[in-house]
Amino acid sequence: MASPKETLQRRAARVRRQLKSAANGRPRLSVHRSSKNIYAQIIDDVRGVTLAAASTLDGDLKGKLKTGADQAAAAAVGKLVAERAVKAGVKDVVFDRGAFIFHGRVKALAEAARESGLSF
């Protein structure tokens, strides 16, 4: 029987394998969620570089947020990463939720990124 950590790793690998076939060279918006913060970065897997990144630990957001662990914080991170991506010349991405289900904070981040100019 697989441990919970192995199960999460398998789920994340399965999601990324499906994304790789659907990406067609587009960079991916990768999301990581912890109990106190949320992180997002746009990664170009072809070149192996990070094009834009944002988290609740950024100086731009840290003072403005009550906590880094709610949907409002996730939406702020989504908006910030989308603004930075558009500034870097990226508008079309593929969303990589990793092992997290598309609900709650992950969904709030994705919707805010879409509203701020990213398409996926």
PDB file of N, CA and C in Angstrom:
ATOM      1  N   MET A   1       0.839  -1.175   0.000  1.00  0.00           N
ATOM      2  CA  MET A   1       0.000   0.000   0.000  1.00  0.00           C
ATOM      3  C   MET A   1       0.890   1.246   0.000  1.00  0.00           C
ATOM      4  N   ALA A   2       0.536   2.212  -0.817  1.00  0.00           N
ATOM      5  CA  ALA A   2       1.328   3.423  -0.946  1.00  0.00           C
ATOM      6  C   ALA A   2       1.051   4.365   0.220  1.00  0.00           C
ATOM      7  N   SER A   3       2.087   5.076   0.623  1.00  0.00           N
ATOM      8  CA  SER A   3       1.930   6.057   1.692  1.00  0.00           C
ATOM      9  C   SER A   3       1.217   7.294   1.132  1.00  0.00           C
ATOM     10  N   PRO A   4       0.687   8.149   1.986  1.00  0.00           N
ATOM     11  CA  PRO A   4       0.023   9.359   1.500  1.00  0.00           C
ATOM     12  C   PRO A   4       0.946  10.247   0.657  1.00  0.00           C
ATOM     13  N   LYS A   5       2.213  10.324   1.033  1.00  0.00           N
ATOM     14  CA  LYS A   5       3.162  11.138   0.268  1.00  0.00           C
ATOM     15  C   LYS A   5       3.371  10.555  -1.128  1.00  0.00           C
ATOM     16  N   GLU A   6       3.494   9.240  -1.223  1.00  0.00           N
ATOM     17  CA  GLU A   6       3.651   8.597  -2.530  1.00  0.00           C
ATOM     18  C   GLU A   6       2.405   8.797  -3.383  1.00  0.00           C
ATOM     19  N   THR A   7       1.240   8.743  -2.767  1.00  0.00           N
ATOM     20  CA  THR A   7      -0.007   8.954  -3.495  1.00  0.00           C
ATOM     21  C   THR A   7      -0.056  10.358  -4.085  1.00  0.00           C
ATOM     22  N   LEU A   8       0.340  11.366  -3.306  1.00  0.00           N
ATOM     23  CA  LEU A   8       0.374  12.737  -3.810  1.00  0.00           C
ATOM     24  C   LEU A   8       1.362  12.878  -4.957  1.00  0.00           C
ATOM     25  N   GLN A   9       2.531  12.260  -4.816  1.00  0.00           N
ATOM     26  CA  GLN A   9       3.537  12.351  -5.871  1.00  0.00           C
ATOM     27  C   GLN A   9       3.057  11.682  -7.148  1.00  0.00           C
ATOM     28  N   ARG A  10       2.380  10.559  -7.026  1.00  0.00           N
ATOM     29  CA  ARG A  10       1.843   9.879  -8.207  1.00  0.00           C
ATOM     30  C   ARG A  10       0.778  10.732  -8.891  1.00  0.00           C
ATOM     31  N   ARG A  11      -0.098  11.346  -8.084  1.00  0.00           N
ATOM     32  CA  ARG A  11      -1.148  12.185  -8.654  1.00  0.00           C
ATOM     33  C   ARG A  11      -0.547  13.379  -9.386  1.00  0.00           C
ATOM     34  N   ALA A  12       0.457  14.027  -8.788  1.00  0.00           N
ATOM     35  CA  ALA A  12       1.106  15.167  -9.423  1.00  0.00           C
ATOM     36  C   ALA A  12       1.797  14.748 -10.718  1.00  0.00           C
ATOM     37  N   ALA A  13       2.463  13.600 -10.711  1.00  0.00           N
ATOM     38  CA  ALA A  13       3.132  13.111 -11.922  1.00  0.00           C
ATOM     39  C   ALA A  13       2.118  12.805 -13.015  1.00  0.00           C
ATOM     40  N   ARG A  14       0.983  12.249 -12.639  1.00  0.00           N
ATOM     41  CA  ARG A  14      -0.062  11.936 -13.613  1.00  0.00           C
ATOM     42  C   ARG A  14      -0.607  13.217 -14.248  1.00  0.00           C
ATOM     43  N   VAL A  15      -0.846  14.237 -13.440  1.00  0.00           N
ATOM     44  CA  VAL A  15      -1.348  15.512 -13.961  1.00  0.00           C
ATOM     45  C   VAL A  15      -0.324  16.137 -14.894  1.00  0.00           C
ATOM     46  N   ARG A  16       0.948  16.132 -14.505  1.00  0.00           N
ATOM     47  CA  ARG A  16       1.984  16.749 -15.341  1.00  0.00           C
ATOM     48  C   ARG A  16       2.199  15.983 -16.640  1.00  0.00           C
ATOM     49  N   ARG A  17       2.050  14.661 -16.602  1.00  0.00           N
ATOM     50  CA  ARG A  17       2.182  13.860 -17.816  1.00  0.00           C
ATOM     51  C   ARG A  17       1.068  14.217 -18.798  1.00  0.00           C
ATOM     52  N   GLN A  18      -0.143  14.401 -18.306  1.00  0.00           N
ATOM     53  CA  GLN A  18      -1.255  14.788 -19.168  1.00  0.00           C
ATOM     54  C   GLN A  18      -1.057  16.199 -19.713  1.00  0.00           C
ATOM     55  N   LEU A  19      -0.495  17.092 -18.897  1.00  0.00           N
ATOM     56  CA  LEU A  19      -0.257  18.464 -19.342  1.00  0.00           C
ATOM     57  C   LEU A  19       0.804  18.531 -20.423  1.00  0.00           C
ATOM     58  N   LYS A  20       1.816  17.692 -20.292  1.00  0.00           N
ATOM     59  CA  LYS A  20       2.910  17.721 -21.262  1.00  0.00           C
ATOM     60  C   LYS A  20       2.403  17.428 -22.666  1.00  0.00           C
ATOM     61  N   SER A  21       1.450  16.511 -22.788  1.00  0.00           N
ATOM     62  CA  SER A  21       0.911  16.190 -24.108  1.00  0.00           C
ATOM     63  C   SER A  21      -0.022  17.285 -24.613  1.00  0.00           C
ATOM     64  N   ALA A  22      -0.647  18.028 -23.714  1.00  0.00           N
ATOM     65  CA  ALA A  22      -1.599  19.058 -24.123  1.00  0.00           C
ATOM     66  C   ALA A  22      -0.973  20.442 -24.235  1.00  0.00           C
ATOM     67  N   ALA A  23       0.254  20.605 -23.780  1.00  0.00           N
ATOM     68  CA  ALA A  23       0.848  21.935 -23.683  1.00  0.00           C
ATOM     69  C   ALA A  23       1.189  22.545 -25.035  1.00  0.00           C
ATOM     70  N   ASN A  24       1.687  21.758 -25.980  1.00  0.00           N
ATOM     71  CA  ASN A  24       2.088  22.262 -27.299  1.00  0.00           C
ATOM     72  C   ASN A  24       3.059  23.437 -27.195  1.00  0.00           C
ATOM     73  N   GLY A  25       4.031  23.329 -26.318  1.00  0.00           N
ATOM     74  CA  GLY A  25       5.052  24.362 -26.192  1.00  0.00           C
ATOM     75  C   GLY A  25       4.671  25.530 -25.305  1.00  0.00           C
ATOM     76  N   ARG A  26       3.462  25.543 -24.772  1.00  0.00           N
ATOM     77  CA  ARG A  26       3.054  26.639 -23.894  1.00  0.00           C
ATOM     78  C   ARG A  26       3.695  26.470 -22.519  1.00  0.00           C
ATOM     79  N   PRO A  27       4.023  27.569 -21.868  1.00  0.00           N
ATOM     80  CA  PRO A  27       4.524  27.459 -20.498  1.00  0.00           C
ATOM     81  C   PRO A  27       3.402  27.030 -19.554  1.00  0.00           C
ATOM     82  N   ARG A  28       3.771  26.521 -18.376  1.00  0.00           N
ATOM     83  CA  ARG A  28       2.743  26.075 -17.434  1.00  0.00           C
ATOM     84  C   ARG A  28       2.715  26.962 -16.208  1.00  0.00           C
ATOM     85  N   LEU A  29       1.514  27.197 -15.730  1.00  0.00           N
ATOM     86  CA  LEU A  29       1.290  27.927 -14.489  1.00  0.00           C
ATOM     87  C   LEU A  29       1.194  26.890 -13.385  1.00  0.00           C
ATOM     88  N   SER A  30       2.260  26.750 -12.622  1.00  0.00           N
ATOM     89  CA  SER A  30       2.348  25.734 -11.582  1.00  0.00           C
ATOM     90  C   SER A  30       1.958  26.338 -10.241  1.00  0.00           C
ATOM     91  N   VAL A  31       1.112  25.618  -9.498  1.00  0.00           N
ATOM     92  CA  VAL A  31       0.602  26.105  -8.219  1.00  0.00           C
ATOM     93  C   VAL A  31       1.030  25.154  -7.111  1.00  0.00           C
ATOM     94  N   HIS A  32       1.502  25.722  -6.010  1.00  0.00           N
ATOM     95  CA  HIS A  32       1.774  24.933  -4.809  1.00  0.00           C
ATOM     96  C   HIS A  32       1.049  25.592  -3.647  1.00  0.00           C
ATOM     97  N   ARG A  33       0.394  24.772  -2.849  1.00  0.00           N
ATOM     98  CA  ARG A  33      -0.397  25.257  -1.723  1.00  0.00           C
ATOM     99  C   ARG A  33       0.135  24.617  -0.449  1.00  0.00           C
ATOM    100  N   SER A  34       0.438  25.447   0.532  1.00  0.00           N
ATOM    101  CA  SER A  34       0.796  24.924   1.848  1.00  0.00           C
ATOM    102  C   SER A  34      -0.299  25.339   2.828  1.00  0.00           C
ATOM    103  N   SER A  35      -0.135  25.000   4.077  1.00  0.00           N
ATOM    104  CA  SER A  35      -1.182  25.329   5.040  1.00  0.00           C
ATOM    105  C   SER A  35      -1.250  26.824   5.340  1.00  0.00           C
ATOM    106  N   LYS A  36      -0.149  27.549   5.123  1.00  0.00           N
ATOM    107  CA  LYS A  36      -0.131  28.974   5.459  1.00  0.00           C
ATOM    108  C   LYS A  36       0.086  29.902   4.274  1.00  0.00           C
ATOM    109  N   ASN A  37       0.515  29.391   3.128  1.00  0.00           N
ATOM    110  CA  ASN A  37       0.838  30.233   1.978  1.00  0.00           C
ATOM    111  C   ASN A  37       0.447  29.534   0.687  1.00  0.00           C
ATOM    112  N   ILE A  38       0.482  30.305  -0.413  1.00  0.00           N
ATOM    113  CA  ILE A  38       0.254  29.741  -1.739  1.00  0.00           C
ATOM    114  C   ILE A  38       1.286  30.351  -2.688  1.00  0.00           C
ATOM    115  N   TYR A  39       1.775  29.540  -3.597  1.00  0.00           N
ATOM    116  CA  TYR A  39       2.849  29.928  -4.504  1.00  0.00           C
ATOM    117  C   TYR A  39       2.420  29.621  -5.935  1.00  0.00           C
ATOM    118  N   ALA A  40       2.810  30.476  -6.873  1.00  0.00           N
ATOM    119  CA  ALA A  40       2.518  30.237  -8.283  1.00  0.00           C
ATOM    120  C   ALA A  40       3.718  30.685  -9.104  1.00  0.00           C
ATOM    121  N   GLN A  41       4.032  29.908 -10.132  1.00  0.00           N
ATOM    122  CA  GLN A  41       5.100  30.305 -11.036  1.00  0.00           C
ATOM    123  C   GLN A  41       4.781  29.828 -12.440  1.00  0.00           C
ATOM    124  N   ILE A  42       5.252  30.579 -13.412  1.00  0.00           N
ATOM    125  CA  ILE A  42       5.074  30.219 -14.810  1.00  0.00           C
ATOM    126  C   ILE A  42       6.416  29.718 -15.311  1.00  0.00           C
ATOM    127  N   ILE A  43       6.421  28.458 -15.748  1.00  0.00           N
ATOM    128  CA  ILE A  43       7.654  27.764 -16.102  1.00  0.00           C
ATOM    129  C   ILE A  43       7.629  27.408 -17.578  1.00  0.00           C
ATOM    130  N   ASP A  44       8.705  27.729 -18.284  1.00  0.00           N
ATOM    131  CA  ASP A  44       8.884  27.298 -19.666  1.00  0.00           C
ATOM    132  C   ASP A  44       9.704  26.010 -19.618  1.00  0.00           C
ATOM    133  N   ASP A  45       9.045  24.873 -19.816  1.00  0.00           N
ATOM    134  CA  ASP A  45       9.724  23.583 -19.706  1.00  0.00           C
ATOM    135  C   ASP A  45      10.664  23.313 -20.872  1.00  0.00           C
ATOM    136  N   VAL A  46      10.451  23.954 -22.003  1.00  0.00           N
ATOM    137  CA  VAL A  46      11.323  23.748 -23.160  1.00  0.00           C
ATOM    138  C   VAL A  46      12.709  24.330 -22.876  1.00  0.00           C
ATOM    139  N   ARG A  47      12.738  25.546 -22.353  1.00  0.00           N
ATOM    140  CA  ARG A  47      14.009  26.196 -22.036  1.00  0.00           C
ATOM    141  C   ARG A  47      14.466  25.926 -20.608  1.00  0.00           C
ATOM    142  N   GLY A  48      13.556  25.483 -19.753  1.00  0.00           N
ATOM    143  CA  GLY A  48      13.900  25.197 -18.370  1.00  0.00           C
ATOM    144  C   GLY A  48      14.092  26.438 -17.523  1.00  0.00           C
ATOM    145  N   VAL A  49      13.279  27.468 -17.755  1.00  0.00           N
ATOM    146  CA  VAL A  49      13.393  28.715 -17.001  1.00  0.00           C
ATOM    147  C   VAL A  49      12.037  29.107 -16.423  1.00  0.00           C
ATOM    148  N   THR A  50      12.082  29.845 -15.332  1.00  0.00           N
ATOM    149  CA  THR A  50      10.879  30.409 -14.733  1.00  0.00           C
ATOM    150  C   THR A  50      10.691  31.810 -15.293  1.00  0.00           C
ATOM    151  N   LEU A  51       9.528  32.063 -15.872  1.00  0.00           N
ATOM    152  CA  LEU A  51       9.261  33.341 -16.517  1.00  0.00           C
ATOM    153  C   LEU A  51       8.664  34.366 -15.560  1.00  0.00           C
ATOM    154  N   ALA A  52       7.845  33.919 -14.625  1.00  0.00           N
ATOM    155  CA  ALA A  52       7.220  34.812 -13.647  1.00  0.00           C
ATOM    156  C   ALA A  52       6.861  33.993 -12.416  1.00  0.00           C
ATOM    157  N   ALA A  53       6.867  34.646 -11.272  1.00  0.00           N
ATOM    158  CA  ALA A  53       6.522  33.953 -10.032  1.00  0.00           C
ATOM    159  C   ALA A  53       5.889  34.937  -9.064  1.00  0.00           C
ATOM    160  N   ALA A  54       5.056  34.406  -8.175  1.00  0.00           N
ATOM    161  CA  ALA A  54       4.441  35.212  -7.119  1.00  0.00           C
ATOM    162  C   ALA A  54       4.025  34.284  -5.990  1.00  0.00           C
ATOM    163  N   SER A  55       3.986  34.829  -4.802  1.00  0.00           N
ATOM    164  CA  SER A  55       3.511  34.061  -3.651  1.00  0.00           C
ATOM    165  C   SER A  55       2.998  35.026  -2.598  1.00  0.00           C
ATOM    166  N   THR A  56       2.388  34.475  -1.578  1.00  0.00           N
ATOM    167  CA  THR A  56       1.905  35.310  -0.487  1.00  0.00           C
ATOM    168  C   THR A  56       3.052  35.836   0.364  1.00  0.00           C
ATOM    169  N   LEU A  57       4.258  35.371   0.115  1.00  0.00           N
ATOM    170  CA  LEU A  57       5.428  35.856   0.838  1.00  0.00           C
ATOM    171  C   LEU A  57       6.104  37.033   0.144  1.00  0.00           C
ATOM    172  N   ASP A  58       5.628  37.422  -1.055  1.00  0.00           N
ATOM    173  CA  ASP A  58       6.197  38.557  -1.777  1.00  0.00           C
ATOM    174  C   ASP A  58       6.021  39.845  -0.980  1.00  0.00           C
ATOM    175  N   GLY A  59       6.978  40.728  -1.105  1.00  0.00           N
ATOM    176  CA  GLY A  59       6.893  42.014  -0.423  1.00  0.00           C
ATOM    177  C   GLY A  59       5.716  42.847  -0.885  1.00  0.00           C
ATOM    178  N   ASP A  60       5.316  42.676  -2.162  1.00  0.00           N
ATOM    179  CA  ASP A  60       4.188  43.428  -2.697  1.00  0.00           C
ATOM    180  C   ASP A  60       2.875  43.055  -2.013  1.00  0.00           C
ATOM    181  N   LEU A  61       2.760  41.832  -1.545  1.00  0.00           N
ATOM    182  CA  LEU A  61       1.500  41.350  -0.982  1.00  0.00           C
ATOM    183  C   LEU A  61       1.514  41.172   0.528  1.00  0.00           C
ATOM    184  N   LYS A  62       2.658  40.897   1.100  1.00  0.00           N
ATOM    185  CA  LYS A  62       2.727  40.459   2.501  1.00  0.00           C
ATOM    186  C   LYS A  62       2.051  41.429   3.467  1.00  0.00           C
ATOM    187  N   GLY A  63       2.259  42.712   3.306  1.00  0.00           N
ATOM    188  CA  GLY A  63       1.664  43.686   4.215  1.00  0.00           C
ATOM    189  C   GLY A  63       0.185  43.921   3.983  1.00  0.00           C
ATOM    190  N   LYS A  64      -0.297  43.610   2.784  1.00  0.00           N
ATOM    191  CA  LYS A  64      -1.688  43.888   2.432  1.00  0.00           C
ATOM    192  C   LYS A  64      -2.639  42.772   2.829  1.00  0.00           C
ATOM    193  N   LEU A  65      -2.119  41.575   3.045  1.00  0.00           N
ATOM    194  CA  LEU A  65      -2.971  40.421   3.309  1.00  0.00           C
ATOM    195  C   LEU A  65      -3.110  40.163   4.800  1.00  0.00           C
ATOM    196  N   LYS A  66      -4.307  39.755   5.184  1.00  0.00           N
ATOM    197  CA  LYS A  66      -4.536  39.368   6.580  1.00  0.00           C
ATOM    198  C   LYS A  66      -3.816  38.060   6.880  1.00  0.00           C
ATOM    199  N   THR A  67      -3.933  37.106   5.951  1.00  0.00           N
ATOM    200  CA  THR A  67      -3.271  35.814   6.068  1.00  0.00           C
ATOM    201  C   THR A  67      -2.946  35.323   4.661  1.00  0.00           C
ATOM    202  N   GLY A  68      -2.013  34.424   4.560  1.00  0.00           N
ATOM    203  CA  GLY A  68      -1.670  33.863   3.259  1.00  0.00           C
ATOM    204  C   GLY A  68      -2.425  32.597   2.948  1.00  0.00           C
ATOM    205  N   ALA A  69      -3.365  32.231   3.808  1.00  0.00           N
ATOM    206  CA  ALA A  69      -4.008  30.924   3.701  1.00  0.00           C
ATOM    207  C   ALA A  69      -5.495  31.000   3.395  1.00  0.00           C
ATOM    208  N   ASP A  70      -5.956  32.067   2.729  1.00  0.00           N
ATOM    209  CA  ASP A  70      -7.371  32.116   2.387  1.00  0.00           C
ATOM    210  C   ASP A  70      -7.542  32.398   0.897  1.00  0.00           C
ATOM    211  N   GLN A  71      -8.797  32.392   0.446  1.00  0.00           N
ATOM    212  CA  GLN A  71      -9.060  32.560  -0.980  1.00  0.00           C
ATOM    213  C   GLN A  71      -8.730  33.963  -1.462  1.00  0.00           C
ATOM    214  N   ALA A  72      -8.867  34.962  -0.612  1.00  0.00           N
ATOM    215  CA  ALA A  72      -8.511  36.326  -1.003  1.00  0.00           C
ATOM    216  C   ALA A  72      -7.012  36.425  -1.290  1.00  0.00           C
ATOM    217  N   ALA A  73      -6.205  35.777  -0.484  1.00  0.00           N
ATOM    218  CA  ALA A  73      -4.758  35.774  -0.711  1.00  0.00           C
ATOM    219  C   ALA A  73      -4.421  35.040  -2.001  1.00  0.00           C
ATOM    220  N   ALA A  74      -5.104  33.932  -2.255  1.00  0.00           N
ATOM    221  CA  ALA A  74      -4.866  33.178  -3.487  1.00  0.00           C
ATOM    222  C   ALA A  74      -5.238  34.009  -4.707  1.00  0.00           C
ATOM    223  N   ALA A  75      -6.337  34.747  -4.622  1.00  0.00           N
ATOM    224  CA  ALA A  75      -6.745  35.601  -5.738  1.00  0.00           C
ATOM    225  C   ALA A  75      -5.723  36.709  -5.969  1.00  0.00           C
ATOM    226  N   ALA A  76      -5.181  37.273  -4.904  1.00  0.00           N
ATOM    227  CA  ALA A  76      -4.161  38.309  -5.047  1.00  0.00           C
ATOM    228  C   ALA A  76      -2.900  37.753  -5.702  1.00  0.00           C
ATOM    229  N   VAL A  77      -2.515  36.539  -5.353  1.00  0.00           N
ATOM    230  CA  VAL A  77      -1.347  35.902  -5.968  1.00  0.00           C
ATOM    231  C   VAL A  77      -1.622  35.629  -7.445  1.00  0.00           C
ATOM    232  N   GLY A  78      -2.822  35.165  -7.769  1.00  0.00           N
ATOM    233  CA  GLY A  78      -3.182  34.920  -9.163  1.00  0.00           C
ATOM    234  C   GLY A  78      -3.122  36.180 -10.001  1.00  0.00           C
ATOM    235  N   LYS A  79      -3.627  37.265  -9.455  1.00  0.00           N
ATOM    236  CA  LYS A  79      -3.589  38.543 -10.168  1.00  0.00           C
ATOM    237  C   LYS A  79      -2.149  39.012 -10.368  1.00  0.00           C
ATOM    238  N   LEU A  80      -1.328  38.888  -9.329  1.00  0.00           N
ATOM    239  CA  LEU A  80       0.060  39.340  -9.410  1.00  0.00           C
ATOM    240  C   LEU A  80       0.876  38.509 -10.394  1.00  0.00           C
ATOM    241  N   VAL A  81       0.720  37.190 -10.374  1.00  0.00           N
ATOM    242  CA  VAL A  81       1.486  36.350 -11.299  1.00  0.00           C
ATOM    243  C   VAL A  81       1.031  36.601 -12.736  1.00  0.00           C
ATOM    244  N   ALA A  82      -0.252  36.871 -12.950  1.00  0.00           N
ATOM    245  CA  ALA A  82      -0.735  37.167 -14.300  1.00  0.00           C
ATOM    246  C   ALA A  82      -0.173  38.494 -14.801  1.00  0.00           C
ATOM    247  N   GLU A  83      -0.140  39.498 -13.940  1.00  0.00           N
ATOM    248  CA  GLU A  83       0.424  40.788 -14.339  1.00  0.00           C
ATOM    249  C   GLU A  83       1.902  40.653 -14.698  1.00  0.00           C
ATOM    250  N   ARG A  84       2.636  39.892 -13.903  1.00  0.00           N
ATOM    251  CA  ARG A  84       4.059  39.693 -14.184  1.00  0.00           C
ATOM    252  C   ARG A  84       4.268  38.884 -15.455  1.00  0.00           C
ATOM    253  N   ALA A  85       3.386  37.933 -15.728  1.00  0.00           N
ATOM    254  CA  ALA A  85       3.502  37.130 -16.945  1.00  0.00           C
ATOM    255  C   ALA A  85       3.219  37.970 -18.181  1.00  0.00           C
ATOM    256  N   VAL A  86       2.185  38.788 -18.119  1.00  0.00           N
ATOM    257  CA  VAL A  86       1.859  39.646 -19.257  1.00  0.00           C
ATOM    258  C   VAL A  86       3.004  40.621 -19.513  1.00  0.00           C
ATOM    259  N   LYS A  87       3.601  41.124 -18.443  1.00  0.00           N
ATOM    260  CA  LYS A  87       4.751  42.022 -18.590  1.00  0.00           C
ATOM    261  C   LYS A  87       5.932  41.299 -19.238  1.00  0.00           C
ATOM    262  N   ALA A  88       6.064  39.989 -18.983  1.00  0.00           N
ATOM    263  CA  ALA A  88       7.142  39.186 -19.570  1.00  0.00           C
ATOM    264  C   ALA A  88       6.791  38.691 -20.969  1.00  0.00           C
ATOM    265  N   GLY A  89       5.579  38.989 -21.448  1.00  0.00           N
ATOM    266  CA  GLY A  89       5.183  38.605 -22.794  1.00  0.00           C
ATOM    267  C   GLY A  89       4.492  37.260 -22.897  1.00  0.00           C
ATOM    268  N   VAL A  90       3.961  36.756 -21.801  1.00  0.00           N
ATOM    269  CA  VAL A  90       3.280  35.460 -21.797  1.00  0.00           C
ATOM    270  C   VAL A  90       1.800  35.690 -21.541  1.00  0.00           C
ATOM    271  N   LYS A  91       0.956  35.194 -22.450  1.00  0.00           N
ATOM    272  CA  LYS A  91      -0.488  35.313 -22.240  1.00  0.00           C
ATOM    273  C   LYS A  91      -1.182  33.967 -22.259  1.00  0.00           C
ATOM    274  N   ASP A  92      -0.610  32.999 -22.943  1.00  0.00           N
ATOM    275  CA  ASP A  92      -1.240  31.693 -23.098  1.00  0.00           C
ATOM    276  C   ASP A  92      -0.436  30.655 -22.330  1.00  0.00           C
ATOM    277  N   VAL A  93      -1.052  30.031 -21.330  1.00  0.00           N
ATOM    278  CA  VAL A  93      -0.376  29.042 -20.494  1.00  0.00           C
ATOM    279  C   VAL A  93      -1.262  27.812 -20.346  1.00  0.00           C
ATOM    280  N   VAL A  94      -0.703  26.788 -19.731  1.00  0.00           N
ATOM    281  CA  VAL A  94      -1.472  25.607 -19.352  1.00  0.00           C
ATOM    282  C   VAL A  94      -1.414  25.529 -17.826  1.00  0.00           C
ATOM    283  N   PHE A  95      -2.553  25.262 -17.193  1.00  0.00           N
ATOM    284  CA  PHE A  95      -2.651  25.302 -15.732  1.00  0.00           C
ATOM    285  C   PHE A  95      -2.239  23.970 -15.134  1.00  0.00           C
ATOM    286  N   ASP A  96      -1.250  24.005 -14.245  1.00  0.00           N
ATOM    287  CA  ASP A  96      -0.741  22.809 -13.571  1.00  0.00           C
ATOM    288  C   ASP A  96      -1.136  22.882 -12.103  1.00  0.00           C
ATOM    289  N   ARG A  97      -2.169  22.135 -11.738  1.00  0.00           N
ATOM    290  CA  ARG A  97      -2.645  22.147 -10.359  1.00  0.00           C
ATOM    291  C   ARG A  97      -1.841  21.214  -9.481  1.00  0.00           C
ATOM    292  N   GLY A  98      -0.955  20.421 -10.063  1.00  0.00           N
ATOM    293  CA  GLY A  98      -0.168  19.469  -9.294  1.00  0.00           C
ATOM    294  C   GLY A  98      -1.063  18.400  -8.702  1.00  0.00           C
ATOM    295  N   ALA A  99      -0.882  18.099  -7.438  1.00  0.00           N
ATOM    296  CA  ALA A  99      -1.685  17.073  -6.774  1.00  0.00           C
ATOM    297  C   ALA A  99      -2.922  17.657  -6.100  1.00  0.00           C
ATOM    298  N   PHE A 100      -3.139  18.963  -6.241  1.00  0.00           N
ATOM    299  CA  PHE A 100      -4.250  19.621  -5.562  1.00  0.00           C
ATOM    300  C   PHE A 100      -5.497  19.601  -6.435  1.00  0.00           C
ATOM    301  N   ILE A 101      -6.661  19.415  -5.811  1.00  0.00           N
ATOM    302  CA  ILE A 101      -7.897  19.444  -6.580  1.00  0.00           C
ATOM    303  C   ILE A 101      -8.233  20.888  -6.938  1.00  0.00           C
ATOM    304  N   PHE A 102      -8.962  21.063  -8.031  1.00  0.00           N
ATOM    305  CA  PHE A 102      -9.318  22.394  -8.522  1.00  0.00           C
ATOM    306  C   PHE A 102     -10.524  22.890  -7.732  1.00  0.00           C
ATOM    307  N   HIS A 103     -10.247  23.390  -6.527  1.00  0.00           N
ATOM    308  CA  HIS A 103     -11.299  23.822  -5.627  1.00  0.00           C
ATOM    309  C   HIS A 103     -10.693  24.767  -4.601  1.00  0.00           C
ATOM    310  N   GLY A 104     -11.465  25.684  -4.090  1.00  0.00           N
ATOM    311  CA  GLY A 104     -11.000  26.555  -3.017  1.00  0.00           C
ATOM    312  C   GLY A 104      -9.918  27.517  -3.449  1.00  0.00           C
ATOM    313  N   ARG A 105      -8.778  27.472  -2.763  1.00  0.00           N
ATOM    314  CA  ARG A 105      -7.701  28.429  -3.030  1.00  0.00           C
ATOM    315  C   ARG A 105      -7.096  28.253  -4.415  1.00  0.00           C
ATOM    316  N   VAL A 106      -6.983  27.019  -4.882  1.00  0.00           N
ATOM    317  CA  VAL A 106      -6.419  26.773  -6.214  1.00  0.00           C
ATOM    318  C   VAL A 106      -7.344  27.360  -7.281  1.00  0.00           C
ATOM    319  N   LYS A 107      -8.634  27.161  -7.119  1.00  0.00           N
ATOM    320  CA  LYS A 107      -9.613  27.700  -8.064  1.00  0.00           C
ATOM    321  C   LYS A 107      -9.624  29.229  -8.021  1.00  0.00           C
ATOM    322  N   ALA A 108      -9.532  29.824  -6.838  1.00  0.00           N
ATOM    323  CA  ALA A 108      -9.513  31.282  -6.710  1.00  0.00           C
ATOM    324  C   ALA A 108      -8.297  31.872  -7.417  1.00  0.00           C
ATOM    325  N   LEU A 109      -7.143  31.232  -7.281  1.00  0.00           N
ATOM    326  CA  LEU A 109      -5.937  31.693  -7.963  1.00  0.00           C
ATOM    327  C   LEU A 109      -6.119  31.619  -9.474  1.00  0.00           C
ATOM    328  N   ALA A 110      -6.661  30.518  -9.962  1.00  0.00           N
ATOM    329  CA  ALA A 110      -6.845  30.340 -11.403  1.00  0.00           C
ATOM    330  C   ALA A 110      -7.815  31.372 -11.973  1.00  0.00           C
ATOM    331  N   GLU A 111      -8.923  31.606 -11.288  1.00  0.00           N
ATOM    332  CA  GLU A 111      -9.905  32.568 -11.788  1.00  0.00           C
ATOM    333  C   GLU A 111      -9.343  33.986 -11.802  1.00  0.00           C
ATOM    334  N   ALA A 112      -8.578  34.356 -10.779  1.00  0.00           N
ATOM    335  CA  ALA A 112      -7.969  35.683 -10.746  1.00  0.00           C
ATOM    336  C   ALA A 112      -6.934  35.840 -11.854  1.00  0.00           C
ATOM    337  N   ALA A 113      -6.188  34.785 -12.142  1.00  0.00           N
ATOM    338  CA  ALA A 113      -5.203  34.847 -13.225  1.00  0.00           C
ATOM    339  C   ALA A 113      -5.900  35.007 -14.573  1.00  0.00           C
ATOM    340  N   ARG A 114      -7.018  34.315 -14.758  1.00  0.00           N
ATOM    341  CA  ARG A 114      -7.779  34.461 -16.007  1.00  0.00           C
ATOM    342  C   ARG A 114      -8.309  35.882 -16.159  1.00  0.00           C
ATOM    343  N   GLU A 115      -8.848  36.435 -15.086  1.00  0.00           N
ATOM    344  CA  GLU A 115      -9.402  37.789 -15.139  1.00  0.00           C
ATOM    345  C   GLU A 115      -8.327  38.835 -15.398  1.00  0.00           C
ATOM    346  N   SER A 116      -7.094  38.534 -15.044  1.00  0.00           N
ATOM    347  CA  SER A 116      -6.006  39.494 -15.201  1.00  0.00           C
ATOM    348  C   SER A 116      -5.243  39.350 -16.508  1.00  0.00           C
ATOM    349  N   GLY A 117      -5.710  38.486 -17.409  1.00  0.00           N
ATOM    350  CA  GLY A 117      -5.113  38.460 -18.735  1.00  0.00           C
ATOM    351  C   GLY A 117      -4.511  37.154 -19.198  1.00  0.00           C
ATOM    352  N   LEU A 118      -4.415  36.146 -18.357  1.00  0.00           N
ATOM    353  CA  LEU A 118      -3.899  34.856 -18.813  1.00  0.00           C
ATOM    354  C   LEU A 118      -5.032  34.025 -19.389  1.00  0.00           C
ATOM    355  N   SER A 119      -4.718  33.227 -20.393  1.00  0.00           N
ATOM    356  CA  SER A 119      -5.734  32.328 -20.950  1.00  0.00           C
ATOM    357  C   SER A 119      -5.246  30.894 -20.830  1.00  0.00           C
ATOM    358  N   PHE A 120      -6.127  30.052 -20.301  1.00  0.00           N
ATOM    359  CA  PHE A 120      -5.882  28.615 -20.195  1.00  0.00           C
ATOM    360  C   PHE A 120      -7.198  27.909 -20.050  1.00  0.00           C
TER     361      PHE A 120
END
